PDB file of N, CA and C in Angstrom:
ATOM      1  N   UNK A   1     -38.458  15.571  -5.454  1.00  0.00           N
ATOM      2  CA  UNK A   1     -38.646  13.908  -6.237  1.00  0.00           C
ATOM      3  C   UNK A   1     -38.015  14.584  -7.758  1.00  0.00           C
ATOM      4  N   UNK A   2     -38.582  15.708  -8.056  1.00  0.00           N
ATOM      5  CA  UNK A   2     -38.148  16.085  -9.172  1.00  0.00           C
ATOM      6  C   UNK A   2     -36.629  16.212  -9.154  1.00  0.00           C
ATOM      7  N   UNK A   3     -36.117  16.960  -8.161  1.00  0.00           N
ATOM      8  CA  UNK A   3     -34.509  17.564  -7.767  1.00  0.00           C
ATOM      9  C   UNK A   3     -33.853  16.009  -7.840  1.00  0.00           C
ATOM     10  N   UNK A   4     -34.115  14.873  -7.616  1.00  0.00           N
ATOM     11  CA  UNK A   4     -33.662  13.739  -7.388  1.00  0.00           C
ATOM     12  C   UNK A   4     -33.453  13.221  -9.042  1.00  0.00           C
ATOM     13  N   UNK A   5     -34.288  13.426  -9.700  1.00  0.00           N
ATOM     14  CA  UNK A   5     -34.576  12.878 -11.376  1.00  0.00           C
ATOM     15  C   UNK A   5     -33.296  13.908 -11.918  1.00  0.00           C
ATOM     16  N   UNK A   6     -33.349  15.250 -11.889  1.00  0.00           N
ATOM     17  CA  UNK A   6     -32.670  16.153 -12.373  1.00  0.00           C
ATOM     18  C   UNK A   6     -31.276  15.692 -11.753  1.00  0.00           C
ATOM     19  N   UNK A   7     -30.993  15.749 -10.893  1.00  0.00           N
ATOM     20  CA  UNK A   7     -29.546  15.244 -10.332  1.00  0.00           C
ATOM     21  C   UNK A   7     -28.886  14.099 -11.053  1.00  0.00           C
ATOM     22  N   UNK A   8     -29.709  13.255 -11.333  1.00  0.00           N
ATOM     23  CA  UNK A   8     -29.257  11.432 -11.768  1.00  0.00           C
ATOM     24  C   UNK A   8     -29.167  11.922 -13.098  1.00  0.00           C
ATOM     25  N   UNK A   9     -29.967  12.217 -13.877  1.00  0.00           N
ATOM     26  CA  UNK A   9     -29.585  12.930 -15.087  1.00  0.00           C
ATOM     27  C   UNK A   9     -28.560  13.575 -15.713  1.00  0.00           C
ATOM     28  N   UNK A  10     -28.512  14.334 -14.279  1.00  0.00           N
ATOM     29  CA  UNK A  10     -27.091  15.646 -14.793  1.00  0.00           C
ATOM     30  C   UNK A  10     -25.799  14.451 -14.503  1.00  0.00           C
ATOM     31  N   UNK A  11     -25.952  13.654 -13.447  1.00  0.00           N
ATOM     32  CA  UNK A  11     -25.021  12.529 -12.837  1.00  0.00           C
ATOM     33  C   UNK A  11     -24.430  11.818 -14.114  1.00  0.00           C
ATOM     34  N   UNK A  12     -25.506  10.981 -15.000  1.00  0.00           N
ATOM     35  CA  UNK A  12     -25.255  10.667 -15.689  1.00  0.00           C
ATOM     36  C   UNK A  12     -24.696  11.055 -17.042  1.00  0.00           C
ATOM     37  N   UNK A  13     -25.038  12.096 -17.427  1.00  0.00           N
ATOM     38  CA  UNK A  13     -24.595  13.149 -18.562  1.00  0.00           C
ATOM     39  C   UNK A  13     -23.200  13.235 -18.380  1.00  0.00           C
ATOM     40  N   UNK A  14     -22.854  13.829 -17.339  1.00  0.00           N
ATOM     41  CA  UNK A  14     -21.386  14.010 -16.724  1.00  0.00           C
ATOM     42  C   UNK A  14     -20.863  13.084 -17.473  1.00  0.00           C
ATOM     43  N   UNK A  15     -20.845  11.704 -16.921  1.00  0.00           N
ATOM     44  CA  UNK A  15     -20.354  10.337 -16.754  1.00  0.00           C
ATOM     45  C   UNK A  15     -20.014  10.320 -17.991  1.00  0.00           C
ATOM     46  N   UNK A  16     -21.131  10.148 -19.158  1.00  0.00           N
ATOM     47  CA  UNK A  16     -21.278  10.082 -20.446  1.00  0.00           C
ATOM     48  C   UNK A  16     -20.349  10.790 -20.978  1.00  0.00           C
ATOM     49  N   UNK A  17     -20.562  12.176 -20.906  1.00  0.00           N
ATOM     50  CA  UNK A  17     -19.324  13.119 -21.621  1.00  0.00           C
ATOM     51  C   UNK A  17     -17.963  13.065 -20.995  1.00  0.00           C
ATOM     52  N   UNK A  18     -17.657  12.663 -19.664  1.00  0.00           N
ATOM     53  CA  UNK A  18     -16.524  12.692 -19.425  1.00  0.00           C
ATOM     54  C   UNK A  18     -15.618  11.301 -20.525  1.00  0.00           C
ATOM     55  N   UNK A  19     -16.221  10.263 -20.056  1.00  0.00           N
ATOM     56  CA  UNK A  19     -16.391   8.982 -21.378  1.00  0.00           C
ATOM     57  C   UNK A  19     -15.906   9.318 -22.441  1.00  0.00           C
ATOM     58  N   UNK A  20     -16.684  10.389 -23.175  1.00  0.00           N
ATOM     59  CA  UNK A  20     -16.597  10.165 -24.647  1.00  0.00           C
ATOM     60  C   UNK A  20     -15.207  10.871 -24.625  1.00  0.00           C
ATOM     61  N   UNK A  21     -15.044  12.208 -24.024  1.00  0.00           N
ATOM     62  CA  UNK A  21     -14.143  12.806 -23.974  1.00  0.00           C
ATOM     63  C   UNK A  21     -12.513  12.027 -24.012  1.00  0.00           C
ATOM     64  N   UNK A  22     -12.476  10.993 -23.082  1.00  0.00           N
ATOM     65  CA  UNK A  22     -11.457  10.439 -22.834  1.00  0.00           C
ATOM     66  C   UNK A  22     -11.461   9.501 -24.116  1.00  0.00           C
ATOM     67  N   UNK A  23     -12.365   8.571 -24.471  1.00  0.00           N
ATOM     68  CA  UNK A  23     -12.251   8.038 -25.413  1.00  0.00           C
ATOM     69  C   UNK A  23     -11.779   8.603 -26.967  1.00  0.00           C
ATOM     70  N   UNK A  24     -12.174   9.857 -27.139  1.00  0.00           N
ATOM     71  CA  UNK A  24     -11.631  10.481 -28.565  1.00  0.00           C
ATOM     72  C   UNK A  24     -10.175  10.966 -28.009  1.00  0.00           C
ATOM     73  N   UNK A  25      -9.836  11.548 -26.707  1.00  0.00           N
ATOM     74  CA  UNK A  25      -8.562  11.630 -26.343  1.00  0.00           C
ATOM     75  C   UNK A  25      -7.592  10.542 -26.796  1.00  0.00           C
ATOM     76  N   UNK A  26      -7.815   9.272 -26.387  1.00  0.00           N
ATOM     77  CA  UNK A  26      -7.332   8.085 -26.828  1.00  0.00           C
ATOM     78  C   UNK A  26      -7.034   7.921 -28.368  1.00  0.00           C
ATOM     79  N   UNK A  27      -8.232   7.881 -29.182  1.00  0.00           N
ATOM     80  CA  UNK A  27      -7.530   8.015 -30.496  1.00  0.00           C
ATOM     81  C   UNK A  27      -7.120   9.191 -31.131  1.00  0.00           C
ATOM     82  N   UNK A  28      -7.009   9.954 -30.768  1.00  0.00           N
ATOM     83  CA  UNK A  28      -5.900  11.139 -31.208  1.00  0.00           C
ATOM     84  C   UNK A  28      -4.751  10.714 -30.577  1.00  0.00           C
ATOM     85  N   UNK A  29      -4.359  10.308 -29.700  1.00  0.00           N
ATOM     86  CA  UNK A  29      -2.992   9.994 -29.445  1.00  0.00           C
ATOM     87  C   UNK A  29      -2.658   8.959 -29.886  1.00  0.00           C
ATOM     88  N   UNK A  30      -3.237   7.796 -30.200  1.00  0.00           N
ATOM     89  CA  UNK A  30      -3.318   6.539 -31.322  1.00  0.00           C
ATOM     90  C   UNK A  30      -2.407   6.905 -32.368  1.00  0.00           C
ATOM     91  N   UNK A  31      -3.423   8.122 -33.130  1.00  0.00           N
ATOM     92  CA  UNK A  31      -3.448   8.371 -34.420  1.00  0.00           C
ATOM     93  C   UNK A  31      -1.931   8.954 -34.699  1.00  0.00           C
ATOM     94  N   UNK A  32      -1.633   9.471 -33.925  1.00  0.00           N
ATOM     95  CA  UNK A  32      -0.101  10.567 -33.735  1.00  0.00           C
ATOM     96  C   UNK A  32       0.966   9.751 -33.360  1.00  0.00           C
ATOM     97  N   UNK A  33       0.921   8.300 -33.208  1.00  0.00           N
ATOM     98  CA  UNK A  33       1.614   7.111 -32.279  1.00  0.00           C
ATOM     99  C   UNK A  33       3.081   7.356 -33.368  1.00  0.00           C
ATOM    100  N   UNK A  34       2.574   7.544 -34.761  1.00  0.00           N
ATOM    101  CA  UNK A  34       3.586   7.498 -35.629  1.00  0.00           C
ATOM    102  C   UNK A  34       4.764   8.570 -35.485  1.00  0.00           C
ATOM    103  N   UNK A  35       4.484   9.276 -35.108  1.00  0.00           N
ATOM    104  CA  UNK A  35       5.283  10.485 -34.272  1.00  0.00           C
ATOM    105  C   UNK A  35       6.171  10.090 -32.799  1.00  0.00           C
ATOM    106  N   UNK A  36       7.304   9.286 -33.052  1.00  0.00           N
ATOM    107  CA  UNK A  36       7.805   8.908 -31.671  1.00  0.00           C
ATOM    108  C   UNK A  36       8.739   9.475 -31.120  1.00  0.00           C
ATOM    109  N   UNK A  37       8.957  10.480 -31.825  1.00  0.00           N
ATOM    110  CA  UNK A  37      10.329  11.175 -31.142  1.00  0.00           C
ATOM    111  C   UNK A  37       9.875  11.866 -29.916  1.00  0.00           C
ATOM    112  N   UNK A  38       8.478  12.513 -30.040  1.00  0.00           N
ATOM    113  CA  UNK A  38       8.127  12.907 -28.590  1.00  0.00           C
ATOM    114  C   UNK A  38       8.188  12.190 -27.548  1.00  0.00           C
ATOM    115  N   UNK A  39       7.443  10.703 -27.504  1.00  0.00           N
ATOM    116  CA  UNK A  39       7.204   9.653 -26.822  1.00  0.00           C
ATOM    117  C   UNK A  39       8.578   9.459 -26.596  1.00  0.00           C
ATOM    118  N   UNK A  40       9.924   9.010 -27.389  1.00  0.00           N
ATOM    119  CA  UNK A  40      11.209   8.667 -26.708  1.00  0.00           C
ATOM    120  C   UNK A  40      11.792   9.943 -25.719  1.00  0.00           C
ATOM    121  N   UNK A  41      11.409  11.153 -26.230  1.00  0.00           N
ATOM    122  CA  UNK A  41      11.800  11.818 -25.185  1.00  0.00           C
ATOM    123  C   UNK A  41      11.034  12.037 -23.904  1.00  0.00           C
ATOM    124  N   UNK A  42       9.861  12.094 -23.962  1.00  0.00           N
ATOM    125  CA  UNK A  42       9.704  11.608 -22.484  1.00  0.00           C
ATOM    126  C   UNK A  42       9.754  10.137 -21.800  1.00  0.00           C
ATOM    127  N   UNK A  43       9.925   9.261 -22.340  1.00  0.00           N
ATOM    128  CA  UNK A  43      10.417   8.215 -22.126  1.00  0.00           C
ATOM    129  C   UNK A  43      11.901   8.245 -21.284  1.00  0.00           C
ATOM    130  N   UNK A  44      12.837   9.065 -22.024  1.00  0.00           N
ATOM    131  CA  UNK A  44      14.156   9.130 -21.598  1.00  0.00           C
ATOM    132  C   UNK A  44      14.194  10.266 -20.081  1.00  0.00           C
ATOM    133  N   UNK A  45      13.279  11.208 -20.695  1.00  0.00           N
ATOM    134  CA  UNK A  45      13.138  12.095 -18.763  1.00  0.00           C
ATOM    135  C   UNK A  45      12.687  11.194 -18.048  1.00  0.00           C
ATOM    136  N   UNK A  46      11.445  10.509 -18.133  1.00  0.00           N
ATOM    137  CA  UNK A  46      11.279   9.569 -17.055  1.00  0.00           C
ATOM    138  C   UNK A  46      11.872   8.856 -16.216  1.00  0.00           C
ATOM    139  N   UNK A  47      13.239   8.305 -17.294  1.00  0.00           N
ATOM    140  CA  UNK A  47      14.016   7.346 -17.240  1.00  0.00           C
ATOM    141  C   UNK A  47      15.219   8.043 -16.067  1.00  0.00           C
ATOM    142  N   UNK A  48      15.586   9.222 -16.953  1.00  0.00           N
ATOM    143  CA  UNK A  48      16.640  10.260 -15.538  1.00  0.00           C
ATOM    144  C   UNK A  48      15.829  10.474 -14.563  1.00  0.00           C
ATOM    145  N   UNK A  49      14.304  10.710 -14.529  1.00  0.00           N
ATOM    146  CA  UNK A  49      14.089  11.024 -13.153  1.00  0.00           C
ATOM    147  C   UNK A  49      14.088   9.784 -11.900  1.00  0.00           C
ATOM    148  N   UNK A  50      13.756   8.582 -12.885  1.00  0.00           N
ATOM    149  CA  UNK A  50      13.665   7.608 -12.096  1.00  0.00           C
ATOM    150  C   UNK A  50      15.389   7.488 -11.355  1.00  0.00           C
ATOM    151  N   UNK A  51      15.995   7.744 -11.875  1.00  0.00           N
ATOM    152  CA  UNK A  51      17.638   7.403 -11.742  1.00  0.00           C
ATOM    153  C   UNK A  51      18.139   8.377 -10.935  1.00  0.00           C
ATOM    154  N   UNK A  52      17.713   9.257 -10.539  1.00  0.00           N
ATOM    155  CA  UNK A  52      17.952  10.709  -9.640  1.00  0.00           C
ATOM    156  C   UNK A  52      17.126  10.025  -8.529  1.00  0.00           C
ATOM    157  N   UNK A  53      16.088  10.029  -8.644  1.00  0.00           N
ATOM    158  CA  UNK A  53      15.229   9.518  -7.652  1.00  0.00           C
ATOM    159  C   UNK A  53      15.699   8.009  -6.791  1.00  0.00           C
ATOM    160  N   UNK A  54      16.290   7.374  -7.531  1.00  0.00           N
ATOM    161  CA  UNK A  54      16.798   5.928  -7.087  1.00  0.00           C
ATOM    162  C   UNK A  54      18.273   6.445  -5.974  1.00  0.00           C
ATOM    163  N   UNK A  55      19.161   6.981  -6.742  1.00  0.00           N
ATOM    164  CA  UNK A  55      20.483   7.499  -6.588  1.00  0.00           C
ATOM    165  C   UNK A  55      20.258   8.465  -5.236  1.00  0.00           C
ATOM    166  N   UNK A  56      19.579   9.464  -5.441  1.00  0.00           N
ATOM    167  CA  UNK A  56      19.690  10.339  -4.416  1.00  0.00           C
ATOM    168  C   UNK A  56      18.202  10.630  -3.374  1.00  0.00           C
ATOM    169  N   UNK A  57      18.088   9.301  -2.825  1.00  0.00           N
ATOM    170  CA  UNK A  57      16.859   9.038  -1.858  1.00  0.00           C
ATOM    171  C   UNK A  57      16.996  10.414  -0.202  1.00  0.00           C
ATOM    172  N   UNK A  58      16.260  10.189   0.191  1.00  0.00           N
ATOM    173  CA  UNK A  58      15.729  11.260   1.221  1.00  0.00           C
ATOM    174  C   UNK A  58      16.766  10.687   2.505  1.00  0.00           C
ATOM    175  N   UNK A  59      17.290   9.209   2.413  1.00  0.00           N
ATOM    176  CA  UNK A  59      17.772   9.067   3.482  1.00  0.00           C
ATOM    177  C   UNK A  59      19.448   9.422   3.111  1.00  0.00           C
ATOM    178  N   UNK A  60      19.572   9.087   2.158  1.00  0.00           N
ATOM    179  CA  UNK A  60      20.911   9.595   1.468  1.00  0.00           C
ATOM    180  C   UNK A  60      21.521  11.098   1.991  1.00  0.00           C
ATOM    181  N   UNK A  61      20.425  11.957   1.273  1.00  0.00           N
ATOM    182  CA  UNK A  61      20.801  12.998   1.895  1.00  0.00           C
ATOM    183  C   UNK A  61      20.740  13.806   3.327  1.00  0.00           C
ATOM    184  N   UNK A  62      19.813  12.940   4.046  1.00  0.00           N
ATOM    185  CA  UNK A  62      19.864  13.355   5.464  1.00  0.00           C
ATOM    186  C   UNK A  62      20.992  12.665   6.333  1.00  0.00           C
ATOM    187  N   UNK A  63      21.534  11.894   5.721  1.00  0.00           N
ATOM    188  CA  UNK A  63      22.671  11.083   6.372  1.00  0.00           C
ATOM    189  C   UNK A  63      24.282  11.443   6.076  1.00  0.00           C
ATOM    190  N   UNK A  64      24.142  12.634   5.376  1.00  0.00           N
ATOM    191  CA  UNK A  64      25.575  13.003   4.996  1.00  0.00           C
ATOM    192  C   UNK A  64      26.211  12.762   3.888  1.00  0.00           C
ATOM    193  N   UNK A  65      25.651  12.058   2.880  1.00  0.00           N
ATOM    194  CA  UNK A  65      26.345  11.747   1.573  1.00  0.00           C
ATOM    195  C   UNK A  65      26.472  13.414   0.606  1.00  0.00           C
ATOM    196  N   UNK A  66      26.893  12.840  -0.087  1.00  0.00           N
ATOM    197  CA  UNK A  66      27.268  14.132  -0.956  1.00  0.00           C
ATOM    198  C   UNK A  66      26.336  14.989  -1.790  1.00  0.00           C
ATOM    199  N   UNK A  67      25.512  14.344  -1.968  1.00  0.00           N
ATOM    200  CA  UNK A  67      24.035  14.735  -2.601  1.00  0.00           C
ATOM    201  C   UNK A  67      24.159  15.355  -3.793  1.00  0.00           C
ATOM    202  N   UNK A  68      23.541  16.310  -4.443  1.00  0.00           N
ATOM    203  CA  UNK A  68      23.914  16.407  -6.230  1.00  0.00           C
ATOM    204  C   UNK A  68      24.727  17.935  -5.913  1.00  0.00           C
ATOM    205  N   UNK A  69      25.806  17.526  -6.722  1.00  0.00           N
ATOM    206  CA  UNK A  69      26.505  18.662  -7.208  1.00  0.00           C
ATOM    207  C   UNK A  69      26.289  19.460  -8.491  1.00  0.00           C
ATOM    208  N   UNK A  70      26.832  20.704  -8.793  1.00  0.00           N
ATOM    209  CA  UNK A  70      26.275  21.693  -9.919  1.00  0.00           C
ATOM    210  C   UNK A  70      26.469  20.921 -11.152  1.00  0.00           C
ATOM    211  N   UNK A  71      27.475  19.817 -11.193  1.00  0.00           N
ATOM    212  CA  UNK A  71      27.798  19.097 -12.449  1.00  0.00           C
ATOM    213  C   UNK A  71      26.834  18.109 -12.603  1.00  0.00           C
ATOM    214  N   UNK A  72      26.791  17.310 -11.986  1.00  0.00           N
ATOM    215  CA  UNK A  72      25.385  16.883 -12.042  1.00  0.00           C
ATOM    216  C   UNK A  72      24.173  16.684 -12.466  1.00  0.00           C
ATOM    217  N   UNK A  73      23.912  18.125 -11.687  1.00  0.00           N
ATOM    218  CA  UNK A  73      22.600  18.968 -12.505  1.00  0.00           C
ATOM    219  C   UNK A  73      22.196  19.333 -13.521  1.00  0.00           C
ATOM    220  N   UNK A  74      23.340  19.408 -14.539  1.00  0.00           N
ATOM    221  CA  UNK A  74      23.612  19.803 -15.526  1.00  0.00           C
ATOM    222  C   UNK A  74      23.710  18.719 -16.295  1.00  0.00           C
ATOM    223  N   UNK A  75      24.342  17.363 -15.971  1.00  0.00           N
ATOM    224  CA  UNK A  75      24.506  16.443 -16.485  1.00  0.00           C
ATOM    225  C   UNK A  75      23.070  16.125 -16.972  1.00  0.00           C
ATOM    226  N   UNK A  76      22.327  16.310 -15.988  1.00  0.00           N
ATOM    227  CA  UNK A  76      20.690  15.069 -16.026  1.00  0.00           C
ATOM    228  C   UNK A  76      19.916  15.980 -16.586  1.00  0.00           C
ATOM    229  N   UNK A  77      20.206  17.549 -16.948  1.00  0.00           N
ATOM    230  CA  UNK A  77      19.024  18.055 -17.271  1.00  0.00           C
ATOM    231  C   UNK A  77      19.339  18.820 -18.674  1.00  0.00           C
ATOM    232  N   UNK A  78      20.475  18.150 -19.484  1.00  0.00           N
ATOM    233  CA  UNK A  78      21.052  18.645 -20.950  1.00  0.00           C
ATOM    234  C   UNK A  78      20.427  17.339 -21.747  1.00  0.00           C
TER     235      UNK A  78
END
């Protein structure tokens, strides 16, 4: 019976600790929201990756389309 109680207390403590950690991390992110340069770069890279995934699907690679060429790789990563 003691083992079950210790286990439940440890489980609750883990949940509370994780929740507090995530709440504090989110508050820190909001505080630095004024520095939007990093966010804009991240959004730009995410949009580029989405375009590449949409353009160069697995089906197009396996069915003989040209695929990526060196010039396109440098264009997307610059």
